[in-house]
């Protein structure tokens, strides 16, 4: 069986989506010659076997609801989370202005990333 990697998916996301459990990450990694921490490319095709499926209920629910887990953060999101906030005026404080990115409050990340999935 095959699955195509979507934007911002990591191996744990794939394991959860197609096998119903993150524990399947080890079987999928081995089957595809990957380390469990390897970055995946959008469009990359990964293979898994029916014997890798840990929880058919979870797989069925994800498929029926169209849930596609994505847990890998892009660089912009990570940088936004790492911006220090000045407690007096709430502005982001960066030591190197060449690395400046628009600060993203944590609540907006949750709204953007999770409300769609769990609404």
N, C-alpha and C. Protein backbone atom coordinates (compact mmCIF):
# COMPACT_ATOMS: atom_id res chain seq x y z
N UNK A 1 0.84 -1.16 0.00
CA UNK A 1 0.00 0.00 0.00
C UNK A 1 0.89 1.23 0.00
N UNK A 2 0.36 2.32 -0.57
CA UNK A 2 1.16 3.54 -0.70
C UNK A 2 0.39 4.75 -0.20
N UNK A 3 1.16 5.75 0.23
CA UNK A 3 0.60 7.04 0.61
C UNK A 3 1.55 8.13 0.15
N UNK A 4 0.98 9.23 -0.28
CA UNK A 4 1.77 10.38 -0.71
C UNK A 4 1.85 11.39 0.42
N UNK A 5 3.05 11.85 0.71
CA UNK A 5 3.29 12.80 1.79
C UNK A 5 2.73 14.17 1.40
N UNK A 6 1.99 14.77 2.33
CA UNK A 6 1.43 16.11 2.15
C UNK A 6 2.34 17.14 2.82
N UNK A 7 2.07 18.41 2.54
CA UNK A 7 2.85 19.50 3.11
C UNK A 7 2.85 19.43 4.63
N UNK A 8 4.04 19.52 5.23
CA UNK A 8 4.28 19.56 6.67
C UNK A 8 4.01 18.24 7.38
N UNK A 9 3.92 17.13 6.65
CA UNK A 9 3.76 15.85 7.33
C UNK A 9 5.11 15.26 7.69
N UNK A 10 5.15 14.65 8.85
CA UNK A 10 6.33 13.92 9.29
C UNK A 10 5.95 12.44 9.34
N UNK A 11 6.91 11.61 9.62
CA UNK A 11 6.67 10.16 9.62
C UNK A 11 5.63 9.76 10.67
N UNK A 12 5.62 10.43 11.80
CA UNK A 12 4.61 10.12 12.83
C UNK A 12 3.20 10.44 12.32
N UNK A 13 3.06 11.52 11.55
CA UNK A 13 1.76 11.88 10.98
C UNK A 13 1.27 10.77 10.04
N UNK A 14 2.19 10.29 9.21
CA UNK A 14 1.85 9.23 8.25
C UNK A 14 1.44 7.97 9.00
N UNK A 15 2.22 7.61 10.02
CA UNK A 15 1.91 6.41 10.80
C UNK A 15 0.53 6.51 11.43
N UNK A 16 0.21 7.66 11.97
CA UNK A 16 -1.10 7.85 12.59
C UNK A 16 -2.22 7.77 11.55
N UNK A 17 -2.00 8.39 10.41
CA UNK A 17 -3.03 8.43 9.37
C UNK A 17 -3.32 7.06 8.76
N UNK A 18 -2.28 6.32 8.41
CA UNK A 18 -2.50 5.06 7.68
C UNK A 18 -2.44 3.80 8.53
N UNK A 19 -1.90 3.93 9.75
CA UNK A 19 -1.79 2.76 10.61
C UNK A 19 -2.54 2.92 11.93
N UNK A 20 -3.01 4.13 12.21
CA UNK A 20 -3.81 4.36 13.39
C UNK A 20 -3.04 4.49 14.68
N UNK A 21 -1.72 4.56 14.61
CA UNK A 21 -0.91 4.66 15.81
C UNK A 21 0.49 5.16 15.45
N UNK A 22 1.04 6.02 16.32
CA UNK A 22 2.38 6.50 16.05
C UNK A 22 3.44 5.41 16.22
N UNK A 23 3.09 4.33 16.92
CA UNK A 23 4.04 3.24 17.08
C UNK A 23 4.43 2.61 15.75
N UNK A 24 3.57 2.75 14.74
CA UNK A 24 3.85 2.20 13.42
C UNK A 24 4.96 2.96 12.69
N UNK A 25 5.40 4.07 13.27
CA UNK A 25 6.46 4.86 12.65
C UNK A 25 7.71 4.01 12.40
N UNK A 26 7.98 3.08 13.29
CA UNK A 26 9.18 2.25 13.16
C UNK A 26 9.07 1.31 11.95
N UNK A 27 7.91 0.69 11.78
CA UNK A 27 7.72 -0.22 10.64
C UNK A 27 7.77 0.55 9.32
N UNK A 28 7.13 1.71 9.28
CA UNK A 28 7.12 2.50 8.04
C UNK A 28 8.52 3.00 7.73
N UNK A 29 9.24 3.45 8.74
CA UNK A 29 10.61 3.93 8.52
C UNK A 29 11.49 2.81 7.97
N UNK A 30 11.42 1.65 8.58
CA UNK A 30 12.24 0.53 8.12
C UNK A 30 11.85 0.11 6.71
N UNK A 31 10.58 0.03 6.45
CA UNK A 31 10.08 -0.39 5.14
C UNK A 31 10.53 0.56 4.01
N UNK A 32 10.71 1.84 4.36
CA UNK A 32 11.06 2.84 3.36
C UNK A 32 12.51 3.31 3.44
N UNK A 33 13.32 2.62 4.26
CA UNK A 33 14.74 2.96 4.37
C UNK A 33 14.98 4.34 4.97
N UNK A 34 14.16 4.71 5.95
CA UNK A 34 14.26 6.04 6.56
C UNK A 34 14.58 5.93 8.04
N UNK A 35 15.06 7.03 8.59
CA UNK A 35 15.16 7.18 10.03
C UNK A 35 13.84 7.79 10.49
N UNK A 36 13.43 7.55 11.72
CA UNK A 36 12.15 8.09 12.18
C UNK A 36 12.17 9.62 12.27
N UNK A 37 13.36 10.22 12.23
CA UNK A 37 13.46 11.67 12.31
C UNK A 37 13.74 12.33 10.96
N UNK A 38 13.79 11.54 9.89
CA UNK A 38 14.05 12.11 8.57
C UNK A 38 12.95 13.08 8.15
N UNK A 39 13.35 14.16 7.46
CA UNK A 39 12.37 15.07 6.87
C UNK A 39 11.80 14.40 5.63
N UNK A 40 10.52 14.58 5.42
CA UNK A 40 9.85 14.02 4.25
C UNK A 40 9.60 15.13 3.23
N UNK A 41 9.61 14.76 1.96
CA UNK A 41 9.36 15.73 0.89
C UNK A 41 7.90 15.64 0.47
N UNK A 42 7.32 16.79 0.19
CA UNK A 42 5.95 16.82 -0.32
C UNK A 42 5.91 16.00 -1.60
N UNK A 43 4.95 15.11 -1.70
CA UNK A 43 4.82 14.26 -2.88
C UNK A 43 5.58 12.95 -2.79
N UNK A 44 6.42 12.81 -1.79
CA UNK A 44 7.17 11.56 -1.59
C UNK A 44 6.18 10.42 -1.37
N UNK A 45 6.44 9.29 -1.98
CA UNK A 45 5.57 8.13 -1.83
C UNK A 45 6.19 7.17 -0.82
N UNK A 46 5.40 6.82 0.19
CA UNK A 46 5.84 5.87 1.20
C UNK A 46 4.98 4.62 1.10
N UNK A 47 5.57 3.48 1.41
CA UNK A 47 4.82 2.24 1.38
C UNK A 47 4.64 1.70 2.79
N UNK A 48 3.56 0.97 2.95
CA UNK A 48 3.28 0.28 4.21
C UNK A 48 2.46 -0.95 3.88
N UNK A 49 2.40 -1.86 4.80
CA UNK A 49 1.67 -3.11 4.60
C UNK A 49 0.48 -3.19 5.55
N UNK A 50 -0.53 -3.96 5.19
CA UNK A 50 -1.68 -4.12 6.09
C UNK A 50 -1.27 -4.61 7.49
N UNK A 51 -0.18 -5.35 7.57
CA UNK A 51 0.29 -5.83 8.87
C UNK A 51 0.84 -4.70 9.74
N UNK A 52 1.13 -3.53 9.13
CA UNK A 52 1.62 -2.38 9.89
C UNK A 52 0.48 -1.65 10.60
N UNK A 53 -0.75 -1.90 10.20
CA UNK A 53 -1.90 -1.19 10.76
C UNK A 53 -2.12 -1.65 12.19
N UNK A 54 -2.12 -0.68 13.10
CA UNK A 54 -2.25 -0.96 14.54
C UNK A 54 -3.68 -0.80 15.03
N UNK A 55 -4.42 0.18 14.49
CA UNK A 55 -5.77 0.45 14.97
C UNK A 55 -6.67 0.83 13.78
N UNK A 56 -7.41 -0.14 13.28
CA UNK A 56 -8.26 0.06 12.10
C UNK A 56 -9.35 1.10 12.35
N UNK A 57 -9.80 1.22 13.60
CA UNK A 57 -10.82 2.22 13.92
C UNK A 57 -10.32 3.63 13.66
N UNK A 58 -9.12 3.92 14.11
CA UNK A 58 -8.53 5.24 13.91
C UNK A 58 -8.35 5.52 12.43
N UNK A 59 -7.84 4.55 11.70
CA UNK A 59 -7.65 4.71 10.25
C UNK A 59 -8.99 5.00 9.58
N UNK A 60 -10.02 4.28 9.95
CA UNK A 60 -11.34 4.47 9.36
C UNK A 60 -11.91 5.85 9.67
N UNK A 61 -11.75 6.30 10.90
CA UNK A 61 -12.25 7.63 11.28
C UNK A 61 -11.50 8.71 10.52
N UNK A 62 -10.18 8.62 10.45
CA UNK A 62 -9.40 9.61 9.72
C UNK A 62 -9.83 9.66 8.26
N UNK A 63 -10.02 8.51 7.66
CA UNK A 63 -10.42 8.45 6.25
C UNK A 63 -11.83 9.03 6.06
N UNK A 64 -12.77 8.65 6.92
CA UNK A 64 -14.14 9.11 6.79
C UNK A 64 -14.26 10.62 7.00
N UNK A 65 -13.48 11.16 7.92
CA UNK A 65 -13.54 12.59 8.25
C UNK A 65 -12.58 13.43 7.39
N UNK A 66 -11.77 12.77 6.58
CA UNK A 66 -10.80 13.49 5.75
C UNK A 66 -9.69 14.14 6.57
N UNK A 67 -9.35 13.52 7.69
CA UNK A 67 -8.32 14.08 8.57
C UNK A 67 -6.94 13.69 8.05
N UNK A 68 -6.11 14.70 7.88
CA UNK A 68 -4.74 14.50 7.41
C UNK A 68 -3.82 15.18 8.43
N UNK A 69 -3.28 14.42 9.39
CA UNK A 69 -2.46 15.05 10.42
C UNK A 69 -1.19 15.67 9.87
N UNK A 70 -0.87 16.85 10.34
CA UNK A 70 0.37 17.53 9.97
C UNK A 70 0.99 18.11 11.23
N UNK A 71 2.15 17.61 11.60
CA UNK A 71 2.77 18.06 12.83
C UNK A 71 4.10 18.76 12.65
N UNK A 72 4.65 18.70 11.46
CA UNK A 72 5.94 19.34 11.23
C UNK A 72 5.72 20.83 11.01
N UNK A 73 6.44 21.65 11.73
CA UNK A 73 6.31 23.10 11.59
C UNK A 73 7.30 23.60 10.54
N UNK A 74 6.86 24.57 9.75
CA UNK A 74 7.78 25.17 8.79
C UNK A 74 8.67 26.18 9.51
N UNK A 75 9.70 26.64 8.84
CA UNK A 75 10.68 27.53 9.47
C UNK A 75 10.05 28.83 9.95
N UNK A 76 9.13 29.39 9.19
CA UNK A 76 8.50 30.66 9.57
C UNK A 76 7.72 30.49 10.88
N UNK A 77 6.98 29.41 11.01
CA UNK A 77 6.21 29.16 12.23
C UNK A 77 7.15 28.99 13.42
N UNK A 78 8.22 28.22 13.24
CA UNK A 78 9.18 28.03 14.33
C UNK A 78 9.81 29.34 14.77
N UNK A 79 10.20 30.17 13.80
CA UNK A 79 10.81 31.45 14.12
C UNK A 79 9.82 32.34 14.88
N UNK A 80 8.56 32.32 14.45
CA UNK A 80 7.55 33.14 15.11
C UNK A 80 7.36 32.70 16.56
N UNK A 81 7.45 31.41 16.82
CA UNK A 81 7.30 30.92 18.18
C UNK A 81 8.51 31.27 19.05
N UNK A 82 9.66 31.46 18.42
CA UNK A 82 10.88 31.74 19.17
C UNK A 82 11.12 33.22 19.42
N UNK A 83 10.28 34.08 18.88
CA UNK A 83 10.44 35.51 19.09
C UNK A 83 10.13 35.85 20.54
N UNK A 84 11.06 36.54 21.18
CA UNK A 84 10.84 36.97 22.56
C UNK A 84 9.87 38.15 22.54
N UNK A 85 8.98 38.21 23.50
CA UNK A 85 8.01 39.29 23.56
C UNK A 85 8.35 40.21 24.71
N UNK A 86 8.38 41.52 24.42
CA UNK A 86 8.63 42.54 25.43
C UNK A 86 7.39 42.66 26.31
N UNK A 87 7.50 42.39 27.61
CA UNK A 87 6.32 42.41 28.48
C UNK A 87 5.69 43.79 28.62
N UNK A 88 6.47 44.86 28.38
CA UNK A 88 5.92 46.20 28.55
C UNK A 88 5.00 46.61 27.41
N UNK A 89 5.42 46.35 26.17
CA UNK A 89 4.57 46.79 25.05
C UNK A 89 4.08 45.64 24.17
N UNK A 90 4.49 44.40 24.50
CA UNK A 90 4.01 43.24 23.75
C UNK A 90 4.67 43.05 22.40
N UNK A 91 5.66 43.86 22.07
CA UNK A 91 6.30 43.73 20.77
C UNK A 91 7.36 42.63 20.80
N UNK A 92 7.65 42.10 19.61
CA UNK A 92 8.69 41.08 19.50
C UNK A 92 10.05 41.73 19.57
N UNK A 93 10.98 41.08 20.24
CA UNK A 93 12.32 41.60 20.39
C UNK A 93 13.29 40.59 19.78
N UNK A 94 14.00 41.01 18.74
CA UNK A 94 14.99 40.16 18.10
C UNK A 94 16.35 40.84 18.20
N UNK A 95 17.39 40.06 18.43
CA UNK A 95 18.72 40.65 18.48
C UNK A 95 19.24 40.95 17.09
N UNK A 96 18.87 40.15 16.11
CA UNK A 96 19.33 40.34 14.75
C UNK A 96 18.12 40.67 13.88
N UNK A 97 18.02 41.93 13.45
CA UNK A 97 16.84 42.35 12.69
C UNK A 97 16.79 41.74 11.30
N UNK A 98 17.88 41.19 10.81
CA UNK A 98 17.84 40.54 9.50
C UNK A 98 17.05 39.24 9.55
N UNK A 99 16.87 38.69 10.75
CA UNK A 99 16.10 37.46 10.92
C UNK A 99 14.65 37.73 11.32
N UNK A 100 14.27 39.00 11.29
CA UNK A 100 12.94 39.36 11.78
C UNK A 100 11.84 38.71 10.93
N UNK A 101 10.84 38.21 11.62
CA UNK A 101 9.64 37.70 10.98
C UNK A 101 8.46 38.29 11.73
N UNK A 102 7.33 38.28 11.12
CA UNK A 102 6.13 38.78 11.79
C UNK A 102 5.80 37.85 12.95
N UNK A 103 5.79 38.35 14.19
CA UNK A 103 5.46 37.49 15.32
C UNK A 103 4.02 36.97 15.20
N UNK A 104 3.84 35.72 15.48
CA UNK A 104 2.51 35.11 15.41
C UNK A 104 2.12 34.67 16.81
N UNK A 105 1.07 35.26 17.36
CA UNK A 105 0.64 34.81 18.68
C UNK A 105 0.26 33.33 18.64
N UNK A 106 0.54 32.64 19.72
CA UNK A 106 0.26 31.21 19.79
C UNK A 106 -1.20 30.90 19.49
N UNK A 107 -2.10 31.77 19.94
CA UNK A 107 -3.52 31.51 19.70
C UNK A 107 -3.85 31.50 18.22
N UNK A 108 -3.19 32.35 17.44
CA UNK A 108 -3.50 32.34 16.00
C UNK A 108 -2.96 31.10 15.32
N UNK A 109 -1.85 30.55 15.84
CA UNK A 109 -1.33 29.29 15.28
C UNK A 109 -2.34 28.19 15.53
N UNK A 110 -2.86 28.11 16.76
CA UNK A 110 -3.86 27.09 17.07
C UNK A 110 -5.11 27.29 16.22
N UNK A 111 -5.53 28.54 16.06
CA UNK A 111 -6.72 28.81 15.26
C UNK A 111 -6.49 28.36 13.82
N UNK A 112 -5.36 28.76 13.24
CA UNK A 112 -5.05 28.39 11.85
C UNK A 112 -4.91 26.88 11.68
N UNK A 113 -4.17 26.25 12.54
CA UNK A 113 -3.79 24.86 12.33
C UNK A 113 -4.79 23.85 12.85
N UNK A 114 -5.50 24.16 13.94
CA UNK A 114 -6.31 23.15 14.58
C UNK A 114 -7.80 23.34 14.45
N UNK A 115 -8.28 24.56 14.34
CA UNK A 115 -9.72 24.76 14.25
C UNK A 115 -10.31 24.08 13.02
N UNK A 116 -9.56 24.07 11.94
CA UNK A 116 -10.06 23.43 10.72
C UNK A 116 -10.25 21.94 10.94
N UNK A 117 -9.29 21.32 11.59
CA UNK A 117 -9.35 19.87 11.81
C UNK A 117 -10.39 19.48 12.85
N UNK A 118 -10.49 20.26 13.93
CA UNK A 118 -11.33 19.85 15.04
C UNK A 118 -12.65 20.60 15.13
N UNK A 119 -12.97 21.40 14.14
CA UNK A 119 -14.22 22.16 14.18
C UNK A 119 -15.43 21.25 14.00
